[in-house]
Amino acid sequence: MNEFRGALSAATSGLRAQSQRLRIAAENVANANSTGDSPGAEPFRRRIPVFESRLDRVAQSTGVRVVRAAFDPSEFRLRFEPGHPAADERGFVAYPNVDPLIELADMREAQRAYEANLNVIETTRIIGGRTLDIIRS
């Protein structure tokens, strides 16, 4: 039974981590065009989930979790828009370092990982049920 518990624990931690990864990517997409509030102010900065493996001593398995969302240090996109309220003294507006295509690809990858973890849970449930059926007969 420990094997079942370990598989379920690892898959559940994967579901949680991928769910957080999807949320972070969605926040990035939602803020892809958010500029600063005042001239020369910094816009939204892309966030990246930082994963860490974790040991579940009860289930005797290793899982994963998101420990934080780090800021992407890449440069902001600059556009020449002298009439924009957030334009600096040279007329440039800083836009977030978010590329919606990268975020969508990351969301798709997280979705597939989430589905894979769901499949592990379903398969473990089926195997557990069949094991009980064998024991009963």
N, C-alpha and C. Protein backbone atom coordinates (compact mmCIF):
# COMPACT_ATOMS: atom_id res chain seq x y z
N MET A 1 0.80 -1.21 0.00
CA MET A 1 0.00 0.00 0.00
C MET A 1 0.84 1.27 0.00
N ASN A 2 2.05 1.18 0.53
CA ASN A 2 2.92 2.37 0.52
C ASN A 2 3.23 2.84 -0.89
N GLU A 3 3.31 1.89 -1.82
CA GLU A 3 3.59 2.26 -3.21
C GLU A 3 2.45 3.10 -3.77
N PHE A 4 1.21 2.70 -3.44
CA PHE A 4 0.06 3.47 -3.91
C PHE A 4 0.05 4.86 -3.28
N ARG A 5 0.30 4.90 -1.98
CA ARG A 5 0.32 6.18 -1.28
C ARG A 5 1.42 7.08 -1.84
N GLY A 6 2.58 6.51 -2.13
CA GLY A 6 3.69 7.28 -2.69
C GLY A 6 3.36 7.83 -4.07
N ALA A 7 2.75 6.99 -4.90
CA ALA A 7 2.38 7.45 -6.25
C ALA A 7 1.35 8.56 -6.18
N LEU A 8 0.35 8.40 -5.31
CA LEU A 8 -0.67 9.43 -5.16
C LEU A 8 -0.10 10.73 -4.59
N SER A 9 0.81 10.61 -3.64
CA SER A 9 1.43 11.80 -3.04
C SER A 9 2.26 12.57 -4.07
N ALA A 10 3.05 11.84 -4.84
CA ALA A 10 3.89 12.49 -5.86
C ALA A 10 3.02 13.16 -6.93
N ALA A 11 1.99 12.46 -7.39
CA ALA A 11 1.12 13.02 -8.42
C ALA A 11 0.33 14.22 -7.89
N THR A 12 -0.11 14.16 -6.66
CA THR A 12 -0.85 15.28 -6.07
C THR A 12 0.04 16.51 -5.95
N SER A 13 1.27 16.30 -5.55
CA SER A 13 2.18 17.46 -5.46
C SER A 13 2.44 18.04 -6.84
N GLY A 14 2.49 17.18 -7.85
CA GLY A 14 2.65 17.66 -9.22
C GLY A 14 1.45 18.46 -9.69
N LEU A 15 0.24 18.02 -9.31
CA LEU A 15 -0.97 18.77 -9.66
C LEU A 15 -0.92 20.17 -9.06
N ARG A 16 -0.56 20.24 -7.79
CA ARG A 16 -0.49 21.55 -7.12
C ARG A 16 0.54 22.46 -7.79
N ALA A 17 1.72 21.89 -8.07
CA ALA A 17 2.79 22.69 -8.66
C ALA A 17 2.41 23.20 -10.05
N GLN A 18 1.82 22.34 -10.86
CA GLN A 18 1.44 22.76 -12.21
C GLN A 18 0.29 23.76 -12.18
N SER A 19 -0.58 23.62 -11.20
CA SER A 19 -1.66 24.59 -11.04
C SER A 19 -1.09 25.97 -10.72
N GLN A 20 -0.10 26.03 -9.84
CA GLN A 20 0.55 27.30 -9.53
C GLN A 20 1.30 27.85 -10.74
N ARG A 21 1.92 26.96 -11.47
CA ARG A 21 2.64 27.37 -12.70
C ARG A 21 1.68 27.99 -13.70
N LEU A 22 0.50 27.38 -13.87
CA LEU A 22 -0.52 27.94 -14.77
C LEU A 22 -0.98 29.32 -14.29
N ARG A 23 -1.18 29.46 -12.98
CA ARG A 23 -1.63 30.75 -12.43
C ARG A 23 -0.60 31.84 -12.67
N ILE A 24 0.67 31.52 -12.47
CA ILE A 24 1.74 32.50 -12.69
C ILE A 24 1.81 32.91 -14.16
N ALA A 25 1.72 31.93 -15.07
CA ALA A 25 1.74 32.24 -16.50
C ALA A 25 0.54 33.09 -16.89
N ALA A 26 -0.63 32.79 -16.32
CA ALA A 26 -1.83 33.58 -16.62
C ALA A 26 -1.67 35.02 -16.12
N GLU A 27 -1.07 35.20 -14.96
CA GLU A 27 -0.80 36.56 -14.46
C GLU A 27 0.15 37.30 -15.39
N ASN A 28 1.14 36.59 -15.89
CA ASN A 28 2.08 37.21 -16.83
C ASN A 28 1.35 37.68 -18.09
N VAL A 29 0.50 36.81 -18.65
CA VAL A 29 -0.25 37.17 -19.85
C VAL A 29 -1.18 38.34 -19.58
N ALA A 30 -1.84 38.31 -18.43
CA ALA A 30 -2.78 39.38 -18.09
C ALA A 30 -2.10 40.74 -17.97
N ASN A 31 -0.82 40.73 -17.62
CA ASN A 31 -0.09 41.98 -17.43
C ASN A 31 0.90 42.28 -18.56
N ALA A 32 0.75 41.62 -19.68
CA ALA A 32 1.70 41.75 -20.78
C ALA A 32 1.82 43.17 -21.33
N ASN A 33 0.81 43.99 -21.13
CA ASN A 33 0.85 45.37 -21.64
C ASN A 33 0.71 46.41 -20.53
N SER A 34 0.96 46.01 -19.30
CA SER A 34 0.84 46.92 -18.17
C SER A 34 2.10 47.78 -18.06
N THR A 35 1.91 49.07 -18.19
CA THR A 35 3.04 49.99 -18.08
C THR A 35 3.10 50.56 -16.66
N GLY A 36 4.14 51.33 -16.41
CA GLY A 36 4.27 52.00 -15.11
C GLY A 36 3.21 53.08 -14.95
N ASP A 37 3.06 53.56 -13.72
CA ASP A 37 2.05 54.57 -13.42
C ASP A 37 2.50 56.00 -13.70
N SER A 38 3.80 56.18 -13.73
CA SER A 38 4.32 57.54 -13.90
C SER A 38 5.47 57.52 -14.90
N PRO A 39 5.90 58.68 -15.38
CA PRO A 39 7.00 58.72 -16.35
C PRO A 39 8.25 58.01 -15.83
N GLY A 40 8.75 57.10 -16.63
CA GLY A 40 9.97 56.37 -16.29
C GLY A 40 9.77 55.25 -15.28
N ALA A 41 8.54 55.02 -14.82
CA ALA A 41 8.29 53.97 -13.84
C ALA A 41 8.44 52.60 -14.47
N GLU A 42 8.85 51.64 -13.65
CA GLU A 42 9.04 50.28 -14.12
C GLU A 42 7.69 49.60 -14.33
N PRO A 43 7.52 48.87 -15.43
CA PRO A 43 6.26 48.14 -15.66
C PRO A 43 6.26 46.81 -14.90
N PHE A 44 5.22 46.04 -15.13
CA PHE A 44 5.13 44.70 -14.57
C PHE A 44 6.35 43.90 -15.02
N ARG A 45 6.91 43.11 -14.12
CA ARG A 45 8.04 42.25 -14.46
C ARG A 45 7.57 40.80 -14.44
N ARG A 46 7.89 40.09 -15.51
CA ARG A 46 7.52 38.68 -15.66
C ARG A 46 8.01 37.87 -14.47
N ARG A 47 7.17 36.92 -14.05
CA ARG A 47 7.53 36.03 -12.96
C ARG A 47 7.68 34.61 -13.48
N ILE A 48 8.59 33.88 -12.85
CA ILE A 48 8.91 32.51 -13.25
C ILE A 48 8.79 31.61 -12.02
N PRO A 49 8.05 30.51 -12.11
CA PRO A 49 7.96 29.63 -10.94
C PRO A 49 9.29 28.91 -10.68
N VAL A 50 9.63 28.80 -9.41
CA VAL A 50 10.84 28.09 -9.00
C VAL A 50 10.39 26.82 -8.29
N PHE A 51 10.75 25.68 -8.87
CA PHE A 51 10.34 24.39 -8.33
C PHE A 51 11.41 23.82 -7.41
N GLU A 52 10.95 23.00 -6.49
CA GLU A 52 11.86 22.32 -5.56
C GLU A 52 11.30 20.94 -5.30
N SER A 53 12.18 19.94 -5.28
CA SER A 53 11.70 18.61 -4.93
C SER A 53 11.50 18.56 -3.41
N ARG A 54 10.55 17.75 -3.01
CA ARG A 54 10.28 17.63 -1.57
C ARG A 54 10.04 16.17 -1.24
N LEU A 55 10.44 15.81 -0.05
CA LEU A 55 10.28 14.44 0.41
C LEU A 55 9.06 14.36 1.30
N ASP A 56 8.14 13.46 0.99
CA ASP A 56 6.99 13.19 1.82
C ASP A 56 7.35 11.96 2.65
N ARG A 57 7.69 12.19 3.90
CA ARG A 57 8.15 11.09 4.77
C ARG A 57 7.03 10.09 5.08
N VAL A 58 5.80 10.57 5.17
CA VAL A 58 4.68 9.66 5.46
C VAL A 58 4.46 8.70 4.30
N ALA A 59 4.39 9.26 3.08
CA ALA A 59 4.15 8.42 1.90
C ALA A 59 5.43 7.81 1.35
N GLN A 60 6.56 8.20 1.90
CA GLN A 60 7.87 7.74 1.45
C GLN A 60 8.05 7.93 -0.05
N SER A 61 7.79 9.17 -0.49
CA SER A 61 7.94 9.49 -1.91
C SER A 61 8.50 10.90 -2.05
N THR A 62 8.95 11.19 -3.23
CA THR A 62 9.45 12.51 -3.54
C THR A 62 8.45 13.19 -4.45
N GLY A 63 8.15 14.44 -4.15
CA GLY A 63 7.23 15.22 -4.96
C GLY A 63 7.89 16.51 -5.37
N VAL A 64 7.08 17.46 -5.73
CA VAL A 64 7.58 18.76 -6.18
C VAL A 64 6.67 19.85 -5.63
N ARG A 65 7.21 21.04 -5.48
CA ARG A 65 6.40 22.18 -5.07
C ARG A 65 7.02 23.45 -5.65
N VAL A 66 6.20 24.48 -5.76
CA VAL A 66 6.68 25.79 -6.18
C VAL A 66 7.03 26.53 -4.90
N VAL A 67 8.30 26.90 -4.76
CA VAL A 67 8.73 27.57 -3.53
C VAL A 67 8.56 29.08 -3.62
N ARG A 68 8.61 29.61 -4.83
CA ARG A 68 8.42 31.05 -5.01
C ARG A 68 8.30 31.35 -6.50
N ALA A 69 7.96 32.58 -6.78
CA ALA A 69 7.93 33.05 -8.17
C ALA A 69 9.02 34.10 -8.29
N ALA A 70 10.07 33.75 -9.01
CA ALA A 70 11.21 34.66 -9.18
C ALA A 70 10.91 35.67 -10.29
N PHE A 71 11.54 36.81 -10.22
CA PHE A 71 11.39 37.82 -11.26
C PHE A 71 12.36 37.55 -12.39
N ASP A 72 11.88 37.63 -13.61
CA ASP A 72 12.70 37.45 -14.81
C ASP A 72 13.57 38.70 -14.97
N PRO A 73 14.89 38.54 -14.97
CA PRO A 73 15.77 39.72 -15.04
C PRO A 73 15.95 40.30 -16.45
N SER A 74 15.30 39.72 -17.45
CA SER A 74 15.50 40.21 -18.82
C SER A 74 15.00 41.65 -18.96
N GLU A 75 15.48 42.30 -19.99
CA GLU A 75 15.17 43.71 -20.22
C GLU A 75 13.71 43.92 -20.60
N PHE A 76 13.22 45.09 -20.27
CA PHE A 76 11.87 45.47 -20.68
C PHE A 76 11.89 45.85 -22.16
N ARG A 77 10.73 45.80 -22.78
CA ARG A 77 10.61 46.24 -24.17
C ARG A 77 10.37 47.75 -24.14
N LEU A 78 11.09 48.47 -24.95
CA LEU A 78 10.92 49.92 -25.01
C LEU A 78 10.24 50.30 -26.32
N ARG A 79 9.27 51.21 -26.22
CA ARG A 79 8.58 51.72 -27.41
C ARG A 79 8.62 53.24 -27.34
N PHE A 80 8.83 53.82 -28.50
CA PHE A 80 8.82 55.28 -28.58
C PHE A 80 7.38 55.76 -28.67
N GLU A 81 6.89 56.32 -27.58
CA GLU A 81 5.52 56.83 -27.49
C GLU A 81 5.54 58.10 -26.64
N PRO A 82 6.01 59.19 -27.23
CA PRO A 82 6.20 60.42 -26.42
C PRO A 82 4.93 60.96 -25.77
N GLY A 83 3.75 60.65 -26.29
CA GLY A 83 2.52 61.16 -25.70
C GLY A 83 1.95 60.28 -24.58
N HIS A 84 2.56 59.15 -24.33
CA HIS A 84 2.07 58.21 -23.32
C HIS A 84 2.37 58.75 -21.92
N PRO A 85 1.44 58.59 -20.98
CA PRO A 85 1.66 59.10 -19.61
C PRO A 85 2.86 58.49 -18.89
N ALA A 86 3.28 57.30 -19.30
CA ALA A 86 4.41 56.65 -18.64
C ALA A 86 5.73 56.85 -19.40
N ALA A 87 5.74 57.72 -20.42
CA ALA A 87 6.95 57.94 -21.21
C ALA A 87 8.02 58.64 -20.37
N ASP A 88 9.27 58.22 -20.58
CA ASP A 88 10.37 58.89 -19.88
C ASP A 88 10.73 60.19 -20.60
N GLU A 89 11.79 60.84 -20.16
CA GLU A 89 12.18 62.13 -20.74
C GLU A 89 12.57 62.04 -22.21
N ARG A 90 12.94 60.85 -22.68
CA ARG A 90 13.30 60.66 -24.09
C ARG A 90 12.08 60.25 -24.93
N GLY A 91 10.93 60.00 -24.28
CA GLY A 91 9.72 59.61 -25.00
C GLY A 91 9.50 58.11 -25.09
N PHE A 92 10.31 57.32 -24.39
CA PHE A 92 10.18 55.88 -24.43
C PHE A 92 9.34 55.36 -23.26
N VAL A 93 8.51 54.38 -23.58
CA VAL A 93 7.70 53.73 -22.55
C VAL A 93 8.22 52.31 -22.39
N ALA A 94 8.44 51.91 -21.14
CA ALA A 94 8.89 50.55 -20.85
C ALA A 94 7.67 49.64 -20.72
N TYR A 95 7.68 48.55 -21.49
CA TYR A 95 6.61 47.56 -21.42
C TYR A 95 7.17 46.28 -20.79
N PRO A 96 6.31 45.47 -20.19
CA PRO A 96 6.77 44.25 -19.50
C PRO A 96 7.61 43.34 -20.40
N ASN A 97 8.47 42.58 -19.74
CA ASN A 97 9.31 41.61 -20.44
C ASN A 97 8.57 40.29 -20.62
N VAL A 98 7.31 40.39 -20.97
CA VAL A 98 6.44 39.22 -21.15
C VAL A 98 6.22 39.00 -22.65
N ASP A 99 6.50 37.78 -23.10
CA ASP A 99 6.20 37.39 -24.47
C ASP A 99 5.01 36.44 -24.41
N PRO A 100 3.85 36.88 -24.86
CA PRO A 100 2.65 36.02 -24.75
C PRO A 100 2.82 34.64 -25.38
N LEU A 101 3.60 34.52 -26.45
CA LEU A 101 3.80 33.20 -27.07
C LEU A 101 4.56 32.26 -26.15
N ILE A 102 5.55 32.79 -25.45
CA ILE A 102 6.30 31.97 -24.50
C ILE A 102 5.40 31.56 -23.34
N GLU A 103 4.59 32.49 -22.88
CA GLU A 103 3.66 32.19 -21.78
C GLU A 103 2.65 31.14 -22.20
N LEU A 104 2.13 31.23 -23.40
CA LEU A 104 1.15 30.25 -23.88
C LEU A 104 1.79 28.87 -24.03
N ALA A 105 3.03 28.83 -24.49
CA ALA A 105 3.74 27.55 -24.59
C ALA A 105 3.98 26.97 -23.20
N ASP A 106 4.33 27.83 -22.25
CA ASP A 106 4.53 27.37 -20.88
C ASP A 106 3.22 26.87 -20.28
N MET A 107 2.13 27.56 -20.59
CA MET A 107 0.82 27.12 -20.09
C MET A 107 0.44 25.76 -20.68
N ARG A 108 0.74 25.57 -21.94
CA ARG A 108 0.44 24.29 -22.59
C ARG A 108 1.26 23.16 -21.97
N GLU A 109 2.52 23.43 -21.70
CA GLU A 109 3.39 22.43 -21.08
C GLU A 109 2.89 22.10 -19.67
N ALA A 110 2.48 23.12 -18.91
CA ALA A 110 1.95 22.90 -17.57
C ALA A 110 0.65 22.10 -17.64
N GLN A 111 -0.17 22.39 -18.63
CA GLN A 111 -1.43 21.65 -18.80
C GLN A 111 -1.15 20.17 -19.06
N ARG A 112 -0.18 19.89 -19.90
CA ARG A 112 0.16 18.49 -20.21
C ARG A 112 0.72 17.78 -18.99
N ALA A 113 1.55 18.47 -18.22
CA ALA A 113 2.09 17.88 -16.99
C ALA A 113 0.97 17.63 -15.98
N TYR A 114 0.02 18.56 -15.91
CA TYR A 114 -1.13 18.40 -15.02
C TYR A 114 -1.93 17.16 -15.42
N GLU A 115 -2.20 17.02 -16.72
CA GLU A 115 -2.94 15.86 -17.22
C GLU A 115 -2.19 14.56 -16.95
N ALA A 116 -0.85 14.59 -17.08
CA ALA A 116 -0.06 13.39 -16.81
C ALA A 116 -0.20 12.98 -15.34
N ASN A 117 -0.20 13.96 -14.45
CA ASN A 117 -0.37 13.65 -13.03
C ASN A 117 -1.78 13.11 -12.75
N LEU A 118 -2.78 13.65 -13.43
CA LEU A 118 -4.13 13.11 -13.29
C LEU A 118 -4.19 11.66 -13.75
N ASN A 119 -3.48 11.35 -14.83
CA ASN A 119 -3.44 9.97 -15.33
C ASN A 119 -2.78 9.03 -14.33
N VAL A 120 -1.74 9.52 -13.64
CA VAL A 120 -1.09 8.70 -12.61
C VAL A 120 -2.08 8.39 -11.49
N ILE A 121 -2.83 9.40 -11.07
CA ILE A 121 -3.81 9.19 -10.01
C ILE A 121 -4.88 8.19 -10.45
N GLU A 122 -5.40 8.36 -11.65
CA GLU A 122 -6.44 7.45 -12.16
C GLU A 122 -5.91 6.03 -12.30
N THR A 123 -4.70 5.88 -12.84
CA THR A 123 -4.12 4.55 -13.00
C THR A 123 -3.87 3.90 -11.65
N THR A 124 -3.40 4.67 -10.68
CA THR A 124 -3.17 4.14 -9.34
C THR A 124 -4.48 3.70 -8.72
N ARG A 125 -5.53 4.46 -8.93
CA ARG A 125 -6.85 4.09 -8.41
C ARG A 125 -7.33 2.78 -9.03
N ILE A 126 -7.16 2.65 -10.33
CA ILE A 126 -7.58 1.43 -11.03
C ILE A 126 -6.78 0.22 -10.54
N ILE A 127 -5.47 0.37 -10.44
CA ILE A 127 -4.62 -0.73 -9.98
C ILE A 127 -4.97 -1.12 -8.55
N GLY A 128 -5.23 -0.10 -7.71
CA GLY A 128 -5.62 -0.38 -6.32
C GLY A 128 -6.93 -1.15 -6.27
N GLY A 129 -7.88 -0.75 -7.10
CA GLY A 129 -9.17 -1.47 -7.14
C GLY A 129 -9.01 -2.89 -7.60
N ARG A 130 -8.21 -3.10 -8.60
CA ARG A 130 -8.00 -4.46 -9.12
C ARG A 130 -7.25 -5.31 -8.10
N THR A 131 -6.33 -4.69 -7.40
CA THR A 131 -5.60 -5.42 -6.36
C THR A 131 -6.55 -5.89 -5.27
N LEU A 132 -7.47 -5.02 -4.87
CA LEU A 132 -8.47 -5.39 -3.86
C LEU A 132 -9.37 -6.51 -4.37
N ASP A 133 -9.72 -6.44 -5.65
CA ASP A 133 -10.56 -7.50 -6.23
C ASP A 133 -9.84 -8.84 -6.19
N ILE A 134 -8.55 -8.84 -6.46
CA ILE A 134 -7.77 -10.09 -6.42
C ILE A 134 -7.67 -10.62 -5.00
N ILE A 135 -7.46 -9.74 -4.05
CA ILE A 135 -7.35 -10.15 -2.65
C ILE A 135 -8.67 -10.75 -2.15
N ARG A 136 -9.80 -10.15 -2.58
CA ARG A 136 -11.11 -10.63 -2.14
C ARG A 136 -11.46 -12.00 -2.70
N SER A 137 -10.94 -12.32 -3.89
CA SER A 137 -11.34 -13.59 -4.50
C SER A 137 -10.47 -14.75 -4.11
